[in-house]
Amino acid sequence: RQAKVKRMKKETKTTVDCVVVTYNRLKLLKECLAALENQTYEISNLYVVDNNSTDDTLAYLKDFSKKYKNLKIIHLNKNLGGAGGFNNGIKKFIENSDSDFVWIMDDDTIPNNDALEKLMDKVNSVTNLGFLASNIVWQDGTPAIMNIPTVSSNWNQNITKGLVQIKSASFVSILFPRKVIEKVGLPITDFFIWGDDVEYTLRISQAGYKGYLVNDSIAEHKIAKNIGVDIVSEENSNRIKRYYYSRRNAIFTERNRMSKAQLAKWLVKCCLVEPVKILAKAPNRKMLRIRTTYKGTIAGFFFNPKIEAVKGNKANGNKKAQ
């Protein structure tokens, strides 16, 4: 009997749920969902967080759920940004599922058909696993500049296994173990946009877990241009005010991780060097860019959002998170 139990445990497959956050990008969402349908590794439950889209996203998801029975629609009554979307999606995963891992991404992420399988191939290759990130590329196959992770000093420790050790990564095809989420809590909703992924993965790394880039797990970040987040060169003037969140969130993330000397050097860059670059190189709305930089920097020193702990899995009889 004991031998039979051991054999059953060995044959039990590690389960994975997926969380996708979407907002008014139905065409891209359809591509993303099609890629998820075709994964070579089974997705147990698919949570799609609709950030109160004003297009036909919700209607499409309701129709899609008729054929994809494991789809769980999370419709938010307010756009909480990517940070709030991932917070809600991961929270529902913890509350409502017994799966071992959750794979998360934005709606403009198009993973290769074997992207999840390649991630899962590595979960037992290392100890104390915190997260596994896919190799994110642009449409021409070059690295997606926006999604280049921060590499650890001992980055090549497991390079022969196809793993690059990293400290932080973006929420574009990244896998988290349930037990790690239960330990460190959820992404910070109040970040709204930009930097929530860096803060969360750094939080995991600082808790003593290890993150890795999986070289052969490929996903395309389907953005119009392969550029990073840069208030100096930003061409779309309608996006300038968003950089307030980028700076505020970055200050919060780094202010307790940097030495006083490092922080002072960074502030000189933010408050003196960057404004000069804006005046010299920015294509438009120069004063708006400078005001946004200063406003975000100041706000970052007073920004103290709470880290929300997970409150258990109701399948295990624990109290459901509100």
C-alpha atoms as a PDB file:
ATOM      1  CA  ARG A   1       0.000   0.000   0.000  1.00  0.00           C
ATOM      2  CA  GLN A   2       2.817   2.413   0.897  1.00  0.00           C
ATOM      3  CA  ALA A   3       4.495   1.695  -2.438  1.00  0.00           C
ATOM      4  CA  LYS A   4       1.244   2.493  -4.236  1.00  0.00           C
ATOM      5  CA  VAL A   5       0.902   5.825  -2.394  1.00  0.00           C
ATOM      6  CA  LYS A   6       4.493   6.765  -3.268  1.00  0.00           C
ATOM      7  CA  ARG A   7       3.889   5.906  -6.921  1.00  0.00           C
ATOM      8  CA  MET A   8       0.717   8.050  -7.017  1.00  0.00           C
ATOM      9  CA  LYS A   9       2.576  11.003  -5.522  1.00  0.00           C
ATOM     10  CA  LYS A  10       5.344  10.633  -8.065  1.00  0.00           C
ATOM     11  CA  GLU A  11       2.849  10.641 -10.908  1.00  0.00           C
ATOM     12  CA  THR A  12       1.031  13.749  -9.635  1.00  0.00           C
ATOM     13  CA  LYS A  13       1.781  16.619 -11.987  1.00  0.00           C
ATOM     14  CA  THR A  14       2.743  20.026 -10.632  1.00  0.00           C
ATOM     15  CA  THR A  15      -0.194  22.348 -11.287  1.00  0.00           C
ATOM     16  CA  VAL A  16      -0.044  25.868 -12.663  1.00  0.00           C
ATOM     17  CA  ASP A  17      -2.618  28.650 -12.890  1.00  0.00           C
ATOM     18  CA  CYS A  18      -2.248  31.741 -15.060  1.00  0.00           C
ATOM     19  CA  VAL A  19      -3.150  35.399 -14.418  1.00  0.00           C
ATOM     20  CA  VAL A  20      -3.524  37.885 -17.294  1.00  0.00           C
ATOM     21  CA  VAL A  21      -4.251  41.582 -16.711  1.00  0.00           C
ATOM     22  CA  THR A  22      -5.982  43.469 -19.520  1.00  0.00           C
ATOM     23  CA  TYR A  23      -7.271  46.966 -20.248  1.00  0.00           C
ATOM     24  CA  ASN A  24      -8.785  48.101 -23.543  1.00  0.00           C
ATOM     25  CA  ARG A  25      -6.541  45.969 -25.760  1.00  0.00           C
ATOM     26  CA  LEU A  26      -8.931  43.322 -26.992  1.00  0.00           C
ATOM     27  CA  LYS A  27      -7.002  42.494 -30.146  1.00  0.00           C
ATOM     28  CA  LEU A  28      -3.844  41.782 -28.171  1.00  0.00           C
ATOM     29  CA  LEU A  29      -5.791  39.937 -25.489  1.00  0.00           C
ATOM     30  CA  LYS A  30      -7.172  37.557 -28.124  1.00  0.00           C
ATOM     31  CA  GLU A  31      -3.621  36.799 -29.304  1.00  0.00           C
ATOM     32  CA  CYS A  32      -2.472  36.248 -25.747  1.00  0.00           C
ATOM     33  CA  LEU A  33      -5.351  33.891 -24.934  1.00  0.00           C
ATOM     34  CA  ALA A  34      -4.785  31.943 -28.145  1.00  0.00           C
ATOM     35  CA  ALA A  35      -1.143  31.437 -27.142  1.00  0.00           C
ATOM     36  CA  LEU A  36      -2.220  30.263 -23.700  1.00  0.00           C
ATOM     37  CA  GLU A  37      -4.726  27.808 -25.191  1.00  0.00           C
ATOM     38  CA  ASN A  38      -1.907  26.246 -27.203  1.00  0.00           C
ATOM     39  CA  GLN A  39       0.583  25.758 -24.367  1.00  0.00           C
ATOM     40  CA  THR A  40       2.236  22.348 -24.263  1.00  0.00           C
ATOM     41  CA  TYR A  41       1.976  22.401 -20.451  1.00  0.00           C
ATOM     42  CA  GLU A  42      -1.582  22.416 -19.129  1.00  0.00           C
ATOM     43  CA  ILE A  43      -2.894  25.526 -17.382  1.00  0.00           C
ATOM     44  CA  SER A  44      -5.259  24.475 -14.596  1.00  0.00           C
ATOM     45  CA  ASN A  45      -7.102  27.785 -14.152  1.00  0.00           C
ATOM     46  CA  LEU A  46      -6.890  30.981 -16.163  1.00  0.00           C
ATOM     47  CA  TYR A  47      -7.717  34.223 -14.366  1.00  0.00           C
ATOM     48  CA  VAL A  48      -8.219  37.244 -16.618  1.00  0.00           C
ATOM     49  CA  VAL A  49      -8.400  40.540 -14.731  1.00  0.00           C
ATOM     50  CA  ASP A  50     -10.367  43.118 -16.717  1.00  0.00           C
ATOM     51  CA  ASN A  51      -9.327  46.535 -15.428  1.00  0.00           C
ATOM     52  CA  ASN A  52     -12.766  48.043 -16.169  1.00  0.00           C
ATOM     53  CA  SER A  53     -12.187  48.117 -19.939  1.00  0.00           C
ATOM     54  CA  THR A  54     -14.482  50.355 -21.945  1.00  0.00           C
ATOM     55  CA  ASP A  55     -14.276  48.319 -25.149  1.00  0.00           C
ATOM     56  CA  ASP A  56     -15.820  44.874 -25.788  1.00  0.00           C
ATOM     57  CA  THR A  57     -13.368  43.009 -23.550  1.00  0.00           C
ATOM     58  CA  LEU A  58     -15.872  41.845 -20.948  1.00  0.00           C
ATOM     59  CA  ALA A  59     -18.389  40.624 -23.531  1.00  0.00           C
ATOM     60  CA  TYR A  60     -15.645  38.721 -25.336  1.00  0.00           C
ATOM     61  CA  LEU A  61     -14.433  37.097 -22.127  1.00  0.00           C
ATOM     62  CA  LYS A  62     -17.933  35.950 -21.242  1.00  0.00           C
ATOM     63  CA  ASP A  63     -18.268  34.379 -24.673  1.00  0.00           C
ATOM     64  CA  PHE A  64     -14.783  32.854 -24.482  1.00  0.00           C
ATOM     65  CA  SER A  65     -15.627  31.260 -21.130  1.00  0.00           C
ATOM     66  CA  LYS A  66     -18.290  29.117 -22.827  1.00  0.00           C
ATOM     67  CA  LYS A  67     -15.578  27.071 -24.546  1.00  0.00           C
ATOM     68  CA  TYR A  68     -12.732  27.580 -22.050  1.00  0.00           C
ATOM     69  CA  LYS A  69     -14.326  26.240 -18.872  1.00  0.00           C
ATOM     70  CA  ASN A  70     -11.366  26.991 -16.633  1.00  0.00           C
ATOM     71  CA  LEU A  71     -11.509  30.727 -17.363  1.00  0.00           C
ATOM     72  CA  LYS A  72     -12.196  32.866 -14.292  1.00  0.00           C
ATOM     73  CA  ILE A  73     -13.181  36.448 -15.152  1.00  0.00           C
ATOM     74  CA  ILE A  74     -12.267  39.108 -12.605  1.00  0.00           C
ATOM     75  CA  HIS A  75     -13.985  42.344 -13.645  1.00  0.00           C
ATOM     76  CA  LEU A  76     -12.864  45.369 -11.646  1.00  0.00           C
ATOM     77  CA  ASN A  77     -15.217  48.327 -11.264  1.00  0.00           C
ATOM     78  CA  LYS A  78     -12.284  50.727 -11.453  1.00  0.00           C
ATOM     79  CA  ASN A  79      -9.036  50.740 -13.398  1.00  0.00           C
ATOM     80  CA  LEU A  80      -6.431  49.916 -10.748  1.00  0.00           C
ATOM     81  CA  GLY A  81      -3.565  49.790 -13.213  1.00  0.00           C
ATOM     82  CA  GLY A  82      -1.289  46.844 -13.746  1.00  0.00           C
ATOM     83  CA  ALA A  83      -0.319  46.783 -10.061  1.00  0.00           C
ATOM     84  CA  GLY A  84      -3.909  46.540  -8.841  1.00  0.00           C
ATOM     85  CA  GLY A  85      -4.755  44.049 -11.555  1.00  0.00           C
ATOM     86  CA  PHE A  86      -1.958  41.670 -10.582  1.00  0.00           C
ATOM     87  CA  ASN A  87      -2.761  42.133  -6.906  1.00  0.00           C
ATOM     88  CA  ASN A  88      -6.351  41.040  -7.500  1.00  0.00           C
ATOM     89  CA  GLY A  89      -5.463  38.185  -9.833  1.00  0.00           C
ATOM     90  CA  ILE A  90      -2.821  36.674  -7.572  1.00  0.00           C
ATOM     91  CA  LYS A  91      -5.098  37.108  -4.575  1.00  0.00           C
ATOM     92  CA  LYS A  92      -7.853  35.128  -6.298  1.00  0.00           C
ATOM     93  CA  PHE A  93      -5.318  32.448  -7.189  1.00  0.00           C
ATOM     94  CA  ILE A  94      -4.356  32.079  -3.530  1.00  0.00           C
ATOM     95  CA  GLU A  95      -7.966  32.137  -2.328  1.00  0.00           C
ATOM     96  CA  ASN A  96      -9.611  29.870  -4.852  1.00  0.00           C
ATOM     97  CA  SER A  97      -7.025  27.428  -6.170  1.00  0.00           C
ATOM     98  CA  ASP A  98      -4.753  24.683  -4.874  1.00  0.00           C
ATOM     99  CA  SER A  99      -2.304  24.956  -7.773  1.00  0.00           C
ATOM    100  CA  ASP A 100       1.397  24.995  -6.936  1.00  0.00           C
ATOM    101  CA  PHE A 101       2.452  27.890  -9.185  1.00  0.00           C
ATOM    102  CA  VAL A 102       0.990  30.959 -10.851  1.00  0.00           C
ATOM    103  CA  TRP A 103       2.210  32.297 -14.218  1.00  0.00           C
ATOM    104  CA  ILE A 104       1.463  35.986 -14.794  1.00  0.00           C
ATOM    105  CA  MET A 105       1.585  38.414 -17.703  1.00  0.00           C
ATOM    106  CA  ASP A 106       0.024  41.470 -19.357  1.00  0.00           C
ATOM    107  CA  ASP A 107      -2.351  41.162 -22.301  1.00  0.00           C
ATOM    108  CA  ASP A 108       0.392  42.126 -24.776  1.00  0.00           C
ATOM    109  CA  THR A 109       2.495  39.088 -23.864  1.00  0.00           C
ATOM    110  CA  ILE A 110       2.539  36.360 -26.527  1.00  0.00           C
ATOM    111  CA  PRO A 111       4.391  33.334 -25.136  1.00  0.00           C
ATOM    112  CA  ASN A 112       5.768  30.604 -27.373  1.00  0.00           C
ATOM    113  CA  ASN A 113       3.724  27.423 -27.194  1.00  0.00           C
ATOM    114  CA  ASP A 114       6.323  25.747 -24.999  1.00  0.00           C
ATOM    115  CA  ALA A 115       7.129  28.790 -22.829  1.00  0.00           C
ATOM    116  CA  LEU A 116       5.382  27.425 -19.753  1.00  0.00           C
ATOM    117  CA  GLU A 117       6.768  23.931 -20.268  1.00  0.00           C
ATOM    118  CA  LYS A 118      10.297  25.352 -20.400  1.00  0.00           C
ATOM    119  CA  LEU A 119       9.687  27.201 -17.124  1.00  0.00           C
ATOM    120  CA  MET A 120       8.272  24.110 -15.453  1.00  0.00           C
ATOM    121  CA  ASP A 121      11.239  22.051 -16.620  1.00  0.00           C
ATOM    122  CA  LYS A 122      13.409  24.169 -14.298  1.00  0.00           C
ATOM    123  CA  VAL A 123      11.356  24.314 -11.086  1.00  0.00           C
ATOM    124  CA  ASN A 124      13.216  21.403  -9.555  1.00  0.00           C
ATOM    125  CA  SER A 125      16.649  22.410 -10.885  1.00  0.00           C
ATOM    126  CA  VAL A 126      17.411  24.782  -8.020  1.00  0.00           C
ATOM    127  CA  THR A 127      16.644  25.126  -4.342  1.00  0.00           C
ATOM    128  CA  ASN A 128      14.884  28.000  -2.573  1.00  0.00           C
ATOM    129  CA  LEU A 129      13.177  29.104  -5.776  1.00  0.00           C
ATOM    130  CA  GLY A 130      11.569  32.549  -5.719  1.00  0.00           C
ATOM    131  CA  PHE A 131      10.577  33.076  -9.348  1.00  0.00           C
ATOM    132  CA  LEU A 132      11.353  32.052 -12.916  1.00  0.00           C
ATOM    133  CA  ALA A 133      11.200  34.631 -15.704  1.00  0.00           C
ATOM    134  CA  SER A 134      10.925  33.948 -19.418  1.00  0.00           C
ATOM    135  CA  ASN A 135      13.346  35.363 -21.979  1.00  0.00           C
ATOM    136  CA  ILE A 136      11.362  38.330 -23.312  1.00  0.00           C
ATOM    137  CA  VAL A 137      11.926  39.403 -26.902  1.00  0.00           C
ATOM    138  CA  TRP A 138      10.589  41.999 -29.299  1.00  0.00           C
ATOM    139  CA  GLN A 139       8.994  41.168 -32.663  1.00  0.00           C
ATOM    140  CA  ASP A 140      12.370  40.847 -34.405  1.00  0.00           C
ATOM    141  CA  GLY A 141      13.737  38.443 -31.805  1.00  0.00           C
ATOM    142  CA  THR A 142      16.027  40.960 -30.098  1.00  0.00           C
ATOM    143  CA  PRO A 143      15.779  41.446 -26.322  1.00  0.00           C
ATOM    144  CA  ALA A 144      12.826  43.591 -25.233  1.00  0.00           C
ATOM    145  CA  ILE A 145      14.591  46.614 -23.720  1.00  0.00           C
ATOM    146  CA  MET A 146      11.724  47.341 -21.334  1.00  0.00           C
ATOM    147  CA  ASN A 147      11.986  43.863 -19.818  1.00  0.00           C
ATOM    148  CA  ILE A 148      15.707  43.336 -19.290  1.00  0.00           C
ATOM    149  CA  PRO A 149      16.068  41.940 -15.743  1.00  0.00           C
ATOM    150  CA  THR A 150      18.577  42.988 -13.103  1.00  0.00           C
ATOM    151  CA  VAL A 151      21.287  40.344 -12.979  1.00  0.00           C
ATOM    152  CA  SER A 152      22.717  39.054  -9.683  1.00  0.00           C
ATOM    153  CA  SER A 153      26.445  39.276  -8.983  1.00  0.00           C
ATOM    154  CA  ASN A 154      26.651  35.472  -9.166  1.00  0.00           C
ATOM    155  CA  TRP A 155      24.540  35.391 -12.316  1.00  0.00           C
ATOM    156  CA  ASN A 156      26.301  32.391 -13.876  1.00  0.00           C
ATOM    157  CA  GLN A 157      26.063  30.042 -10.897  1.00  0.00           C
ATOM    158  CA  ASN A 158      23.558  27.803 -12.731  1.00  0.00           C
ATOM    159  CA  ILE A 159      24.335  28.829 -16.291  1.00  0.00           C
ATOM    160  CA  THR A 160      24.984  25.226 -17.354  1.00  0.00           C
ATOM    161  CA  LYS A 161      21.324  24.522 -16.529  1.00  0.00           C
ATOM    162  CA  GLY A 162      20.183  27.332 -18.831  1.00  0.00           C
ATOM    163  CA  LEU A 163      19.467  29.618 -15.866  1.00  0.00           C
ATOM    164  CA  VAL A 164      20.732  33.160 -15.277  1.00  0.00           C
ATOM    165  CA  GLN A 165      20.343  34.285 -11.683  1.00  0.00           C
ATOM    166  CA  ILE A 166      18.539  37.620 -11.421  1.00  0.00           C
ATOM    167  CA  LYS A 167      17.381  39.954  -8.642  1.00  0.00           C
ATOM    168  CA  SER A 168      14.360  41.488 -10.336  1.00  0.00           C
ATOM    169  CA  ALA A 169      12.240  41.057 -13.456  1.00  0.00           C
ATOM    170  CA  SER A 170       9.071  42.340 -15.103  1.00  0.00           C
ATOM    171  CA  PHE A 171       5.573  40.876 -14.923  1.00  0.00           C
ATOM    172  CA  VAL A 172       5.827  39.631 -18.500  1.00  0.00           C
ATOM    173  CA  SER A 173       5.727  35.822 -18.397  1.00  0.00           C
ATOM    174  CA  ILE A 174       6.995  35.147 -14.891  1.00  0.00           C
ATOM    175  CA  LEU A 175       6.273  32.170 -12.641  1.00  0.00           C
ATOM    176  CA  PHE A 176       5.842  32.293  -8.848  1.00  0.00           C
ATOM    177  CA  PRO A 177       5.535  29.394  -6.382  1.00  0.00           C
ATOM    178  CA  ARG A 178       2.461  29.569  -4.137  1.00  0.00           C
ATOM    179  CA  LYS A 179       4.566  29.238  -0.979  1.00  0.00           C
ATOM    180  CA  VAL A 180       6.607  32.327  -1.896  1.00  0.00           C
ATOM    181  CA  ILE A 181       3.493  34.467  -2.343  1.00  0.00           C
ATOM    182  CA  GLU A 182       2.195  33.212   0.998  1.00  0.00           C
ATOM    183  CA  LYS A 183       5.495  34.301   2.550  1.00  0.00           C
ATOM    184  CA  VAL A 184       6.049  37.768   1.025  1.00  0.00           C
ATOM    185  CA  GLY A 185       2.478  38.931   0.305  1.00  0.00           C
ATOM    186  CA  LEU A 186       1.017  40.559  -2.801  1.00  0.00           C
ATOM    187  CA  PRO A 187       2.135  43.217  -5.309  1.00  0.00           C
ATOM    188  CA  ILE A 188       1.336  46.733  -4.081  1.00  0.00           C
ATOM    189  CA  THR A 189      -1.924  48.020  -5.574  1.00  0.00           C
ATOM    190  CA  ASP A 190      -1.067  51.652  -4.788  1.00  0.00           C
ATOM    191  CA  PHE A 191       1.840  51.568  -7.245  1.00  0.00           C
ATOM    192  CA  PHE A 192      -0.855  51.745  -9.988  1.00  0.00           C
ATOM    193  CA  ILE A 193       1.584  51.433 -12.914  1.00  0.00           C
ATOM    194  CA  TRP A 194       5.327  50.953 -13.378  1.00  0.00           C
ATOM    195  CA  GLY A 195       7.728  49.504 -10.872  1.00  0.00           C
ATOM    196  CA  ASP A 196       5.349  47.125  -9.097  1.00  0.00           C
ATOM    197  CA  ASP A 197       7.113  44.171 -10.717  1.00  0.00           C
ATOM    198  CA  VAL A 198      10.587  45.391  -9.748  1.00  0.00           C
ATOM    199  CA  GLU A 199       9.529  46.003  -6.147  1.00  0.00           C
ATOM    200  CA  TYR A 200       7.828  42.606  -5.889  1.00  0.00           C
ATOM    201  CA  THR A 201      10.664  40.543  -7.326  1.00  0.00           C
ATOM    202  CA  LEU A 202      13.238  42.472  -5.273  1.00  0.00           C
ATOM    203  CA  ARG A 203      11.114  41.806  -2.199  1.00  0.00           C
ATOM    204  CA  ILE A 204      11.233  38.096  -2.981  1.00  0.00           C
ATOM    205  CA  SER A 205      15.004  38.194  -3.552  1.00  0.00           C
ATOM    206  CA  GLN A 206      15.574  40.060  -0.297  1.00  0.00           C
ATOM    207  CA  ALA A 207      13.502  37.453   1.536  1.00  0.00           C
ATOM    208  CA  GLY A 208      16.232  34.968   0.634  1.00  0.00           C
ATOM    209  CA  TYR A 209      14.669  33.327  -2.411  1.00  0.00           C
ATOM    210  CA  LYS A 210      16.394  33.041  -5.777  1.00  0.00           C
ATOM    211  CA  GLY A 211      15.113  34.262  -9.126  1.00  0.00           C
ATOM    212  CA  TYR A 212      16.220  33.041 -12.520  1.00  0.00           C
ATOM    213  CA  LEU A 213      15.860  33.878 -16.187  1.00  0.00           C
ATOM    214  CA  VAL A 214      15.071  30.715 -18.166  1.00  0.00           C
ATOM    215  CA  ASN A 215      16.910  31.156 -21.431  1.00  0.00           C
ATOM    216  CA  ASP A 216      14.792  28.864 -23.627  1.00  0.00           C
ATOM    217  CA  SER A 217      11.381  29.995 -22.340  1.00  0.00           C
ATOM    218  CA  ILE A 218      10.555  32.619 -24.956  1.00  0.00           C
ATOM    219  CA  ALA A 219       7.750  35.182 -24.941  1.00  0.00           C
ATOM    220  CA  GLU A 220       7.192  38.202 -27.178  1.00  0.00           C
ATOM    221  CA  HIS A 221       6.297  41.518 -25.611  1.00  0.00           C
ATOM    222  CA  LYS A 222       4.157  42.914 -28.397  1.00  0.00           C
ATOM    223  CA  ILE A 223       4.837  46.615 -28.009  1.00  0.00           C
ATOM    224  CA  ALA A 224       4.933  49.080 -30.911  1.00  0.00           C
ATOM    225  CA  LYS A 225       8.567  50.130 -30.404  1.00  0.00           C
ATOM    226  CA  ASN A 226      11.425  48.394 -28.644  1.00  0.00           C
ATOM    227  CA  ILE A 227      12.209  51.175 -26.199  1.00  0.00           C
ATOM    228  CA  GLY A 228      12.519  51.515 -22.453  1.00  0.00           C
ATOM    229  CA  VAL A 229      10.805  53.815 -19.984  1.00  0.00           C
ATOM    230  CA  ASP A 230      12.512  57.211 -20.340  1.00  0.00           C
ATOM    231  CA  ILE A 231      10.905  60.579 -19.627  1.00  0.00           C
ATOM    232  CA  VAL A 232      13.620  62.370 -21.630  1.00  0.00           C
ATOM    233  CA  SER A 233      12.984  60.599 -24.935  1.00  0.00           C
ATOM    234  CA  GLU A 234       9.275  59.790 -24.549  1.00  0.00           C
ATOM    235  CA  GLU A 235       7.626  60.801 -27.845  1.00  0.00           C
ATOM    236  CA  ASN A 236       3.979  60.569 -26.782  1.00  0.00           C
ATOM    237  CA  SER A 237       3.197  63.716 -24.815  1.00  0.00           C
ATOM    238  CA  ASN A 238       0.013  62.112 -23.452  1.00  0.00           C
ATOM    239  CA  ARG A 239       2.175  59.624 -21.516  1.00  0.00           C
ATOM    240  CA  ILE A 240       4.399  62.159 -19.752  1.00  0.00           C
ATOM    241  CA  LYS A 241       2.299  62.395 -16.580  1.00  0.00           C
ATOM    242  CA  ARG A 242       2.584  58.622 -16.126  1.00  0.00           C
ATOM    243  CA  TYR A 243       6.252  59.088 -15.291  1.00  0.00           C
ATOM    244  CA  TYR A 244       5.158  60.478 -11.944  1.00  0.00           C
ATOM    245  CA  TYR A 245       4.366  56.889 -10.919  1.00  0.00           C
ATOM    246  CA  SER A 246       7.642  55.604 -12.326  1.00  0.00           C
ATOM    247  CA  ARG A 247       9.709  58.019 -10.238  1.00  0.00           C
ATOM    248  CA  ARG A 248       7.565  57.856  -7.076  1.00  0.00           C
ATOM    249  CA  ASN A 249       7.539  54.057  -7.071  1.00  0.00           C
ATOM    250  CA  ALA A 250      11.262  53.797  -7.808  1.00  0.00           C
ATOM    251  CA  ILE A 251      12.110  56.128  -4.912  1.00  0.00           C
ATOM    252  CA  PHE A 252       9.983  54.031  -2.548  1.00  0.00           C
ATOM    253  CA  THR A 253      11.579  50.796  -3.753  1.00  0.00           C
ATOM    254  CA  GLU A 254      15.149  52.013  -3.459  1.00  0.00           C
ATOM    255  CA  ARG A 255      15.188  54.419  -0.536  1.00  0.00           C
ATOM    256  CA  ASN A 256      15.618  51.673   2.094  1.00  0.00           C
ATOM    257  CA  ARG A 257      17.909  49.548  -0.083  1.00  0.00           C
ATOM    258  CA  MET A 258      20.502  52.203  -0.906  1.00  0.00           C
ATOM    259  CA  SER A 259      23.166  53.668   1.320  1.00  0.00           C
ATOM    260  CA  LYS A 260      22.891  57.400   2.036  1.00  0.00           C
ATOM    261  CA  ALA A 261      25.714  58.084  -0.423  1.00  0.00           C
ATOM    262  CA  GLN A 262      24.042  56.039  -3.169  1.00  0.00           C
ATOM    263  CA  LEU A 263      20.710  57.735  -2.560  1.00  0.00           C
ATOM    264  CA  ALA A 264      22.304  61.202  -2.648  1.00  0.00           C
ATOM    265  CA  LYS A 265      23.986  60.363  -5.960  1.00  0.00           C
ATOM    266  CA  TRP A 266      20.682  59.129  -7.372  1.00  0.00           C
ATOM    267  CA  LEU A 267      18.874  62.298  -6.251  1.00  0.00           C
ATOM    268  CA  VAL A 268      21.460  64.454  -8.023  1.00  0.00           C
ATOM    269  CA  LYS A 269      20.769  62.443 -11.172  1.00  0.00           C
ATOM    270  CA  CYS A 270      16.978  62.832 -10.787  1.00  0.00           C
ATOM    271  CA  CYS A 271      16.849  66.469  -9.762  1.00  0.00           C
ATOM    272  CA  LEU A 272      19.773  68.008 -11.653  1.00  0.00           C
ATOM    273  CA  VAL A 273      21.105  65.797 -14.437  1.00  0.00           C
ATOM    274  CA  GLU A 274      17.748  64.626 -15.772  1.00  0.00           C
ATOM    275  CA  PRO A 275      16.182  68.124 -15.999  1.00  0.00           C
ATOM    276  CA  VAL A 276      19.227  69.324 -17.941  1.00  0.00           C
ATOM    277  CA  LYS A 277      18.837  66.398 -20.346  1.00  0.00           C
ATOM    278  CA  ILE A 278      15.132  67.197 -20.714  1.00  0.00           C
ATOM    279  CA  LEU A 279      15.902  70.810 -21.636  1.00  0.00           C
ATOM    280  CA  ALA A 280      18.539  69.718 -24.128  1.00  0.00           C
ATOM    281  CA  LYS A 281      16.933  66.655 -25.731  1.00  0.00           C
ATOM    282  CA  ALA A 282      13.217  66.249 -24.986  1.00  0.00           C
ATOM    283  CA  PRO A 283      11.045  66.516 -28.135  1.00  0.00           C
ATOM    284  CA  ASN A 284       8.181  68.466 -26.482  1.00  0.00           C
ATOM    285  CA  ARG A 285       6.475  69.561 -23.225  1.00  0.00           C
ATOM    286  CA  LYS A 286       9.801  70.131 -21.497  1.00  0.00           C
ATOM    287  CA  MET A 287       8.482  71.969 -18.453  1.00  0.00           C
ATOM    288  CA  LEU A 288       5.783  69.338 -17.921  1.00  0.00           C
ATOM    289  CA  ARG A 289       8.488  66.662 -17.927  1.00  0.00           C
ATOM    290  CA  ILE A 290      10.569  68.562 -15.369  1.00  0.00           C
ATOM    291  CA  ARG A 291       7.545  69.172 -13.113  1.00  0.00           C
ATOM    292  CA  THR A 292       6.635  65.484 -13.349  1.00  0.00           C
ATOM    293  CA  THR A 293      10.182  64.482 -12.404  1.00  0.00           C
ATOM    294  CA  TYR A 294      10.253  66.723  -9.337  1.00  0.00           C
ATOM    295  CA  LYS A 295       6.714  65.849  -8.290  1.00  0.00           C
ATOM    296  CA  GLY A 296       7.404  62.111  -8.474  1.00  0.00           C
ATOM    297  CA  THR A 297      10.727  62.442  -6.632  1.00  0.00           C
ATOM    298  CA  ILE A 298       9.209  64.392  -3.745  1.00  0.00           C
ATOM    299  CA  ALA A 299       6.217  62.055  -3.539  1.00  0.00           C
ATOM    300  CA  GLY A 300       8.530  59.048  -3.358  1.00  0.00           C
ATOM    301  CA  PHE A 301       9.869  60.112   0.041  1.00  0.00           C
ATOM    302  CA  PHE A 302       6.377  60.361   1.522  1.00  0.00           C
ATOM    303  CA  PHE A 303       4.853  57.346  -0.230  1.00  0.00           C
ATOM    304  CA  ASN A 304       4.319  54.525   2.276  1.00  0.00           C
ATOM    305  CA  PRO A 305       1.913  51.950   0.843  1.00  0.00           C
ATOM    306  CA  LYS A 306       1.137  48.854   2.868  1.00  0.00           C
ATOM    307  CA  ILE A 307       2.191  45.422   1.695  1.00  0.00           C
ATOM    308  CA  GLU A 308      -0.902  43.251   1.690  1.00  0.00           C
ATOM    309  CA  ALA A 309      -0.484  39.796   3.166  1.00  0.00           C
ATOM    310  CA  VAL A 310      -2.389  36.880   1.685  1.00  0.00           C
ATOM    311  CA  LYS A 311      -5.091  35.509   3.932  1.00  0.00           C
ATOM    312  CA  GLY A 312      -5.205  31.896   2.967  1.00  0.00           C
ATOM    313  CA  ASN A 313      -6.855  29.400   0.646  1.00  0.00           C
ATOM    314  CA  LYS A 314     -10.530  28.832   1.361  1.00  0.00           C
ATOM    315  CA  ALA A 315     -10.127  25.287   0.020  1.00  0.00           C
ATOM    316  CA  ASN A 316      -8.050  24.680   3.153  1.00  0.00           C
ATOM    317  CA  GLY A 317     -10.697  26.184   5.373  1.00  0.00           C
ATOM    318  CA  ASN A 318      -8.917  29.451   6.005  1.00  0.00           C
ATOM    319  CA  LYS A 319     -10.563  32.830   6.112  1.00  0.00           C
ATOM    320  CA  LYS A 320     -11.204  34.267   2.665  1.00  0.00           C
ATOM    321  CA  ALA A 321      -9.441  37.508   1.825  1.00  0.00           C
ATOM    322  CA  GLN A 322     -11.669  40.497   1.364  1.00  0.00           C
END
